[in-house]
Amino acid sequence: MTSRVRARLPRLIALASLAIAPWLGGSALAQAWPAKPVRIVFPYSAGGPVDVLLRALAMRMSETMGQQFIVENRPGANEIISAEAVARAAPDGYTLLFASDAVFSLNPHLYSKLPYDANKDFAPIARVINAYLMLVGRTDLPPKDLKELFAYIKANNGKVSYGSVGLGSVNHLSMSWLANQQGLEMIHVPFKGVGPMVQEIAANRLDLAFAVVGGALPFLKANQVKAYAVSAPARMAVIPNVPTFTELGYPALNASFYFALAAPAGTSPEIVSSAAAEAGKIVTQTEFREKYVDTLGFVPVAETPAQFAEFLKRDRENAAQRVRVSGAKLD
């Protein structure tokens, strides 16, 4: 080999690589991901606790992956607007969705028609956080524990009120499921948000509600509400004195939700796996977890796309049962 050929060899190899890249499919292209800014579509307004967490996650991913990860807030229609936008986006790894179980499991049972197919239009990436609900009541409610509470509701059949953030919401579905399991009849009172709902309990005008831990925690610390149980698999560090439903003998209750990342169907598996690994690594870091996860009553999740896909099978079956028991329809 002449010196002239040796000098030109690196350039010839580079040109050859460019020439065959299209024939290598997604793998070659995915190796360079991300090569430009990535948009994460979020179905809620800016400023809420999950939005704050997502923006912190996006900032860390920008730092570790060398390109900007930009949060785009597209609220409305029970997360359907955001879901449709991502479902129709190019499957190139530059448009992702950060949504709750409403998109992936609940909406298909709450609506007779959707502009997206939850099973076919998304490539599951990973759950990022789980959020567990706490059953709280007004401070002057007579029952001291969960067993006494169920007896009290049965003794006051159809008179005890409970709140939710709307028909088909996780609060509503969870209480409907609990009532069905325990043979309880209560009055459903919908609100426009967790804050107003818990404030009514604190004012002793509403009896009970399932509330996300972070939303009810300030009221609990101020002794404005009482807590009966939390739906987490184990006691939570932010509420160590609140027992779980499981330890009280009620393991079948599912009163939780999650937020997860997904991409348009057809997105390269390499890109999907890379996003899952990076998000899981960040959200479970001690510093990040203490600042953005634990304090809000969330639990971080680090899983592979395959694990998330397997979880979704079970979650969708569970969602079908909960919606059917509640009788909720949002058409």
Protein backbone atom coordinates (compact mmCIF):
# COMPACT_ATOMS: atom_id res chain seq x y z
CA MET A 1 0.00 0.00 0.00
CA THR A 2 1.48 3.36 -1.06
CA SER A 3 1.82 6.30 1.34
CA ARG A 4 -0.72 8.22 -0.74
CA VAL A 5 -3.32 5.49 -0.36
CA ARG A 6 -2.62 5.20 3.37
CA ALA A 7 -3.16 8.95 3.78
CA ARG A 8 -6.51 8.77 2.04
CA LEU A 9 -7.68 5.64 3.87
CA PRO A 10 -9.57 7.34 6.76
CA ARG A 11 -11.55 9.47 4.33
CA LEU A 12 -12.34 6.47 2.13
CA ILE A 13 -13.60 4.54 5.17
CA ALA A 14 -15.79 7.47 6.24
CA LEU A 15 -17.28 7.80 2.76
CA ALA A 16 -17.93 4.07 2.62
CA SER A 17 -19.69 4.22 6.00
CA LEU A 18 -21.99 6.99 4.78
CA ALA A 19 -22.75 5.04 1.65
CA ILE A 20 -23.84 1.88 3.47
CA ALA A 21 -25.59 3.59 6.43
CA PRO A 22 -29.04 3.58 4.74
CA TRP A 23 -28.72 -0.19 4.26
CA LEU A 24 -28.02 -0.77 7.95
CA GLY A 25 -31.45 0.43 9.04
CA GLY A 26 -32.21 1.88 12.46
CA SER A 27 -29.16 0.49 14.26
CA ALA A 28 -26.63 2.73 12.52
CA LEU A 29 -28.83 5.78 12.82
CA ALA A 30 -29.68 5.08 16.45
CA GLN A 31 -26.01 5.08 17.43
CA ALA A 32 -25.88 8.82 16.80
CA TRP A 33 -29.08 9.57 18.75
CA PRO A 34 -29.69 12.23 19.79
CA ALA A 35 -28.15 14.34 17.03
CA LYS A 36 -30.54 17.26 17.55
CA PRO A 37 -32.98 18.54 20.23
CA VAL A 38 -35.60 16.08 21.52
CA ARG A 39 -39.13 17.22 22.27
CA ILE A 40 -40.99 15.68 25.24
CA VAL A 41 -44.73 16.32 25.01
CA PHE A 42 -46.45 16.60 28.42
CA PRO A 43 -50.27 16.58 28.75
CA TYR A 44 -50.51 19.11 31.60
CA SER A 45 -49.80 22.78 32.21
CA ALA A 46 -46.46 24.07 33.40
CA GLY A 47 -45.77 24.52 37.10
CA GLY A 48 -47.32 21.41 38.63
CA PRO A 49 -45.23 18.91 40.62
CA VAL A 50 -44.92 16.38 37.79
CA ASP A 51 -44.04 19.17 35.34
CA VAL A 52 -41.28 20.30 37.71
CA LEU A 53 -39.95 16.75 37.93
CA LEU A 54 -40.08 16.29 34.15
CA ARG A 55 -38.23 19.55 33.49
CA ALA A 56 -35.51 18.50 35.93
CA LEU A 57 -35.28 15.13 34.19
CA ALA A 58 -35.11 16.81 30.77
CA MET A 59 -32.35 19.13 31.97
CA ARG A 60 -30.28 16.20 33.28
CA MET A 61 -30.80 14.24 30.06
CA SER A 62 -29.66 17.30 28.11
CA GLU A 63 -26.47 17.34 30.15
CA THR A 64 -25.73 13.63 29.92
CA MET A 65 -26.79 13.01 26.31
CA GLY A 66 -25.32 16.09 24.67
CA GLN A 67 -28.50 17.50 23.12
CA GLN A 68 -31.40 19.55 24.46
CA PHE A 69 -34.46 17.74 25.78
CA ILE A 70 -37.30 20.27 25.62
CA VAL A 71 -40.62 19.93 27.48
CA GLU A 72 -43.67 20.95 25.48
CA ASN A 73 -46.88 21.39 27.50
CA ARG A 74 -50.01 20.38 25.57
CA PRO A 75 -52.79 20.04 28.17
CA GLY A 76 -56.40 19.07 27.63
CA ALA A 77 -58.94 16.31 26.95
CA ASN A 78 -57.68 13.87 29.57
CA GLU A 79 -54.24 13.69 27.91
CA ILE A 80 -55.72 12.82 24.50
CA ILE A 81 -54.38 15.94 22.73
CA SER A 82 -50.79 15.12 23.64
CA ALA A 83 -51.20 11.43 22.92
CA GLU A 84 -52.56 12.09 19.44
CA ALA A 85 -49.74 14.53 18.64
CA VAL A 86 -47.05 11.99 19.54
CA ALA A 87 -48.85 9.08 17.89
CA ARG A 88 -48.77 11.02 14.59
CA ALA A 89 -45.17 12.20 14.95
CA ALA A 90 -42.28 10.77 12.96
CA PRO A 91 -40.78 7.68 14.68
CA ASP A 92 -37.28 9.13 14.64
CA GLY A 93 -36.68 9.52 18.38
CA TYR A 94 -37.11 13.30 18.42
CA THR A 95 -40.68 13.39 19.74
CA LEU A 96 -41.43 11.57 22.99
CA LEU A 97 -44.49 11.45 25.25
CA PHE A 98 -44.49 11.70 29.04
CA ALA A 99 -47.99 10.65 30.11
CA SER A 100 -49.91 8.76 32.76
CA ASP A 101 -51.91 5.55 32.72
CA ALA A 102 -54.82 7.59 31.35
CA VAL A 103 -53.19 7.47 27.90
CA PHE A 104 -51.91 3.92 27.97
CA SER A 105 -54.59 1.99 29.89
CA LEU A 106 -57.67 3.95 31.03
CA ASN A 107 -58.82 6.08 28.08
CA PRO A 108 -59.54 3.10 25.78
CA HIS A 109 -62.17 2.00 28.31
CA LEU A 110 -63.48 5.44 29.21
CA TYR A 111 -64.07 6.56 25.60
CA SER A 112 -65.83 4.68 22.82
CA LYS A 113 -63.59 6.35 20.23
CA LEU A 114 -60.07 7.77 20.45
CA PRO A 115 -57.84 9.46 17.84
CA TYR A 116 -55.01 7.10 18.78
CA ASP A 117 -54.60 3.38 19.46
CA ALA A 118 -52.98 2.83 22.85
CA ASN A 119 -51.79 -0.65 21.88
CA LYS A 120 -50.46 0.05 18.39
CA ASP A 121 -49.42 3.72 18.17
CA PHE A 122 -46.69 3.83 20.82
CA ALA A 123 -43.35 2.20 21.53
CA PRO A 124 -43.20 1.83 25.34
CA ILE A 125 -39.99 3.24 26.82
CA ALA A 126 -40.32 3.04 30.61
CA ARG A 127 -42.24 4.13 33.65
CA VAL A 128 -40.41 6.94 35.41
CA ILE A 129 -42.44 7.39 38.62
CA ASN A 130 -45.23 5.64 40.48
CA ALA A 131 -47.63 7.70 42.57
CA TYR A 132 -49.67 6.09 45.34
CA LEU A 133 -52.90 7.39 46.79
CA MET A 134 -53.64 7.89 50.46
CA LEU A 135 -57.13 7.52 51.89
CA VAL A 136 -57.75 10.64 53.97
CA GLY A 137 -60.74 11.83 55.95
CA ARG A 138 -61.96 14.84 57.92
CA THR A 139 -60.45 15.08 61.39
CA ASP A 140 -63.80 14.85 63.20
CA LEU A 141 -64.79 11.62 61.42
CA PRO A 142 -65.44 9.13 64.28
CA PRO A 143 -63.59 6.01 62.97
CA LYS A 144 -60.01 5.73 64.22
CA ASP A 145 -58.80 3.05 61.77
CA LEU A 146 -59.71 1.42 58.47
CA LYS A 147 -61.78 -1.40 59.95
CA GLU A 148 -63.85 1.06 61.96
CA LEU A 149 -64.19 3.26 58.87
CA PHE A 150 -65.74 0.49 56.79
CA ALA A 151 -68.17 -0.33 59.62
CA TYR A 152 -69.06 3.36 59.93
CA ILE A 153 -69.78 3.71 56.20
CA LYS A 154 -72.00 0.61 56.26
CA ALA A 155 -73.85 1.94 59.30
CA ASN A 156 -74.42 5.22 57.44
CA ASN A 157 -75.28 3.64 54.12
CA GLY A 158 -75.43 6.19 51.28
CA LYS A 159 -74.65 9.16 53.56
CA VAL A 160 -70.85 9.30 53.61
CA SER A 161 -69.35 11.52 50.89
CA TYR A 162 -66.11 11.10 48.99
CA GLY A 163 -64.33 13.39 46.56
CA SER A 164 -62.49 12.91 43.29
CA VAL A 165 -61.05 15.09 40.55
CA GLY A 166 -63.74 13.94 38.16
CA LEU A 167 -65.58 10.95 36.76
CA GLY A 168 -63.11 8.35 35.55
CA SER A 169 -60.19 9.88 37.46
CA VAL A 170 -57.86 7.68 39.48
CA ASN A 171 -59.48 8.97 42.71
CA HIS A 172 -62.94 8.03 41.46
CA LEU A 173 -61.93 4.63 40.07
CA SER A 174 -60.02 3.72 43.22
CA MET A 175 -62.89 4.57 45.55
CA SER A 176 -65.39 2.79 43.30
CA TRP A 177 -63.21 -0.31 43.38
CA LEU A 178 -62.86 -0.14 47.16
CA ALA A 179 -66.60 0.33 47.59
CA ASN A 180 -67.29 -2.63 45.34
CA GLN A 181 -64.88 -4.84 47.27
CA GLN A 182 -66.21 -3.89 50.68
CA GLY A 183 -69.90 -3.52 49.81
CA LEU A 184 -70.03 0.21 50.55
CA GLU A 185 -72.39 2.89 49.25
CA MET A 186 -71.22 6.50 49.27
CA ILE A 187 -71.95 9.85 47.65
CA HIS A 188 -69.51 10.91 44.92
CA VAL A 189 -68.57 14.61 44.84
CA PRO A 190 -66.31 15.65 41.91
CA PHE A 191 -63.88 18.59 42.11
CA LYS A 192 -61.65 20.40 39.62
CA GLY A 193 -58.42 19.51 41.39
CA VAL A 194 -56.78 17.75 44.31
CA GLY A 195 -56.26 21.03 46.20
CA PRO A 196 -59.93 22.07 46.39
CA MET A 197 -60.93 18.49 47.20
CA VAL A 198 -58.56 18.14 50.17
CA GLN A 199 -59.42 21.66 51.34
CA GLU A 200 -63.07 20.58 51.65
CA ILE A 201 -61.99 17.66 53.83
CA ALA A 202 -59.86 20.01 55.94
CA ALA A 203 -62.92 22.25 56.35
CA ASN A 204 -64.96 19.20 57.49
CA ARG A 205 -67.39 19.57 54.58
CA LEU A 206 -66.30 16.40 52.75
CA ASP A 207 -65.84 13.04 54.47
CA LEU A 208 -63.23 11.12 52.49
CA ALA A 209 -61.03 11.01 49.41
CA PHE A 210 -58.18 9.16 47.80
CA ALA A 211 -55.50 11.83 47.37
CA VAL A 212 -52.02 11.64 45.91
CA VAL A 213 -49.57 11.66 48.79
CA GLY A 214 -47.82 14.88 47.75
CA GLY A 215 -51.13 16.74 47.47
CA ALA A 216 -52.42 15.68 50.88
CA LEU A 217 -49.14 15.81 52.79
CA PRO A 218 -49.26 19.52 53.80
CA PHE A 219 -52.76 19.06 55.21
CA LEU A 220 -51.73 15.90 57.06
CA LYS A 221 -48.69 17.61 58.60
CA ALA A 222 -50.94 20.48 59.73
CA ASN A 223 -53.35 17.97 61.33
CA GLN A 224 -56.14 19.21 59.07
CA VAL A 225 -56.95 15.73 57.76
CA LYS A 226 -56.49 12.21 59.10
CA ALA A 227 -54.92 9.37 57.11
CA TYR A 228 -56.31 5.83 57.17
CA ALA A 229 -54.00 4.01 54.76
CA VAL A 230 -51.77 4.38 51.71
CA SER A 231 -51.84 2.14 48.64
CA ALA A 232 -48.03 1.79 48.37
CA PRO A 233 -46.50 -1.70 48.64
CA ALA A 234 -44.58 -0.58 51.75
CA ARG A 235 -44.72 2.34 54.17
CA MET A 236 -43.42 5.54 52.63
CA ALA A 237 -40.61 7.59 54.14
CA VAL A 238 -42.59 10.85 53.90
CA ILE A 239 -45.54 9.35 55.83
CA PRO A 240 -43.96 6.65 58.03
CA ASN A 241 -46.91 6.53 60.44
CA VAL A 242 -49.49 5.77 57.76
CA PRO A 243 -50.05 2.00 57.30
CA THR A 244 -50.46 0.37 53.91
CA PHE A 245 -53.67 -1.32 52.83
CA THR A 246 -51.72 -4.55 52.46
CA GLU A 247 -50.49 -4.61 56.06
CA LEU A 248 -54.05 -3.90 57.19
CA GLY A 249 -55.29 -6.94 55.29
CA TYR A 250 -56.51 -5.40 52.01
CA PRO A 251 -53.86 -6.39 49.40
CA ALA A 252 -56.13 -6.35 46.33
CA LEU A 253 -56.62 -2.58 46.30
CA ASN A 254 -55.00 -0.72 43.41
CA ALA A 255 -55.05 3.01 44.06
CA SER A 256 -52.09 4.36 42.15
CA PHE A 257 -50.98 5.83 38.87
CA TYR A 258 -47.73 6.36 37.03
CA PHE A 259 -46.04 8.60 34.49
CA ALA A 260 -44.08 6.99 31.71
CA LEU A 261 -42.11 7.78 28.58
CA ALA A 262 -43.20 6.49 25.18
CA ALA A 263 -42.28 7.12 21.56
CA PRO A 264 -44.23 6.82 18.31
CA ALA A 265 -44.58 3.23 17.13
CA GLY A 266 -41.76 2.24 14.82
CA THR A 267 -39.08 4.14 16.73
CA SER A 268 -35.76 2.29 16.70
CA PRO A 269 -35.44 -0.20 19.61
CA GLU A 270 -31.92 1.14 20.20
CA ILE A 271 -33.27 4.65 20.72
CA VAL A 272 -36.06 3.40 22.97
CA SER A 273 -33.61 1.39 25.09
CA SER A 274 -31.18 4.32 25.33
CA ALA A 275 -33.92 6.69 26.53
CA ALA A 276 -35.16 4.14 29.09
CA ALA A 277 -31.68 3.50 30.49
CA GLU A 278 -30.84 7.20 30.82
CA ALA A 279 -34.16 8.17 32.43
CA GLY A 280 -33.93 5.28 34.90
CA LYS A 281 -30.35 6.17 35.81
CA ILE A 282 -31.22 9.81 36.50
CA VAL A 283 -34.46 9.35 38.42
CA THR A 284 -32.90 6.84 40.82
CA GLN A 285 -29.84 8.96 41.62
CA THR A 286 -29.88 9.90 45.31
CA GLU A 287 -29.59 13.67 44.79
CA PHE A 288 -32.27 13.78 42.09
CA ARG A 289 -34.57 11.45 43.98
CA GLU A 290 -34.36 13.43 47.22
CA LYS A 291 -35.02 16.75 45.47
CA TYR A 292 -37.67 15.88 42.89
CA VAL A 293 -39.17 12.48 43.73
CA ASP A 294 -39.35 11.56 47.43
CA THR A 295 -40.52 14.95 48.65
CA LEU A 296 -43.58 14.75 46.40
CA GLY A 297 -44.52 11.27 47.55
CA PHE A 298 -43.48 9.64 44.27
CA VAL A 299 -41.47 6.45 43.87
CA PRO A 300 -38.87 6.24 41.07
CA VAL A 301 -39.00 3.41 38.56
CA ALA A 302 -36.09 2.15 36.47
CA GLU A 303 -37.13 -0.48 33.94
CA THR A 304 -36.45 -1.66 30.40
CA PRO A 305 -38.90 -1.19 27.52
CA ALA A 306 -39.66 -4.92 27.66
CA GLN A 307 -40.50 -4.67 31.37
CA PHE A 308 -42.78 -1.69 30.75
CA ALA A 309 -44.53 -3.51 27.90
CA GLU A 310 -45.11 -6.51 30.15
CA PHE A 311 -46.43 -4.26 32.92
CA LEU A 312 -48.85 -2.63 30.45
CA LYS A 313 -50.51 -5.98 29.71
CA ARG A 314 -51.46 -6.38 33.37
CA ASP A 315 -52.30 -2.72 33.84
CA ARG A 316 -54.71 -2.70 30.90
CA GLU A 317 -56.55 -5.72 32.27
CA ASN A 318 -56.76 -4.01 35.65
CA ALA A 319 -57.98 -0.76 34.05
CA ALA A 320 -60.77 -2.59 32.20
CA GLN A 321 -62.01 -4.05 35.49
CA ARG A 322 -61.86 -0.77 37.40
CA VAL A 323 -63.70 1.20 34.70
CA ARG A 324 -66.34 -1.49 34.37
CA VAL A 325 -66.98 -1.51 38.15
CA SER A 326 -67.19 2.29 38.25
CA GLY A 327 -69.57 2.55 35.29
CA ALA A 328 -67.67 5.67 34.16
CA LYS A 329 -67.89 6.81 30.54
CA LEU A 330 -66.48 10.11 29.29
CA ASP A 331 -67.97 10.34 25.80
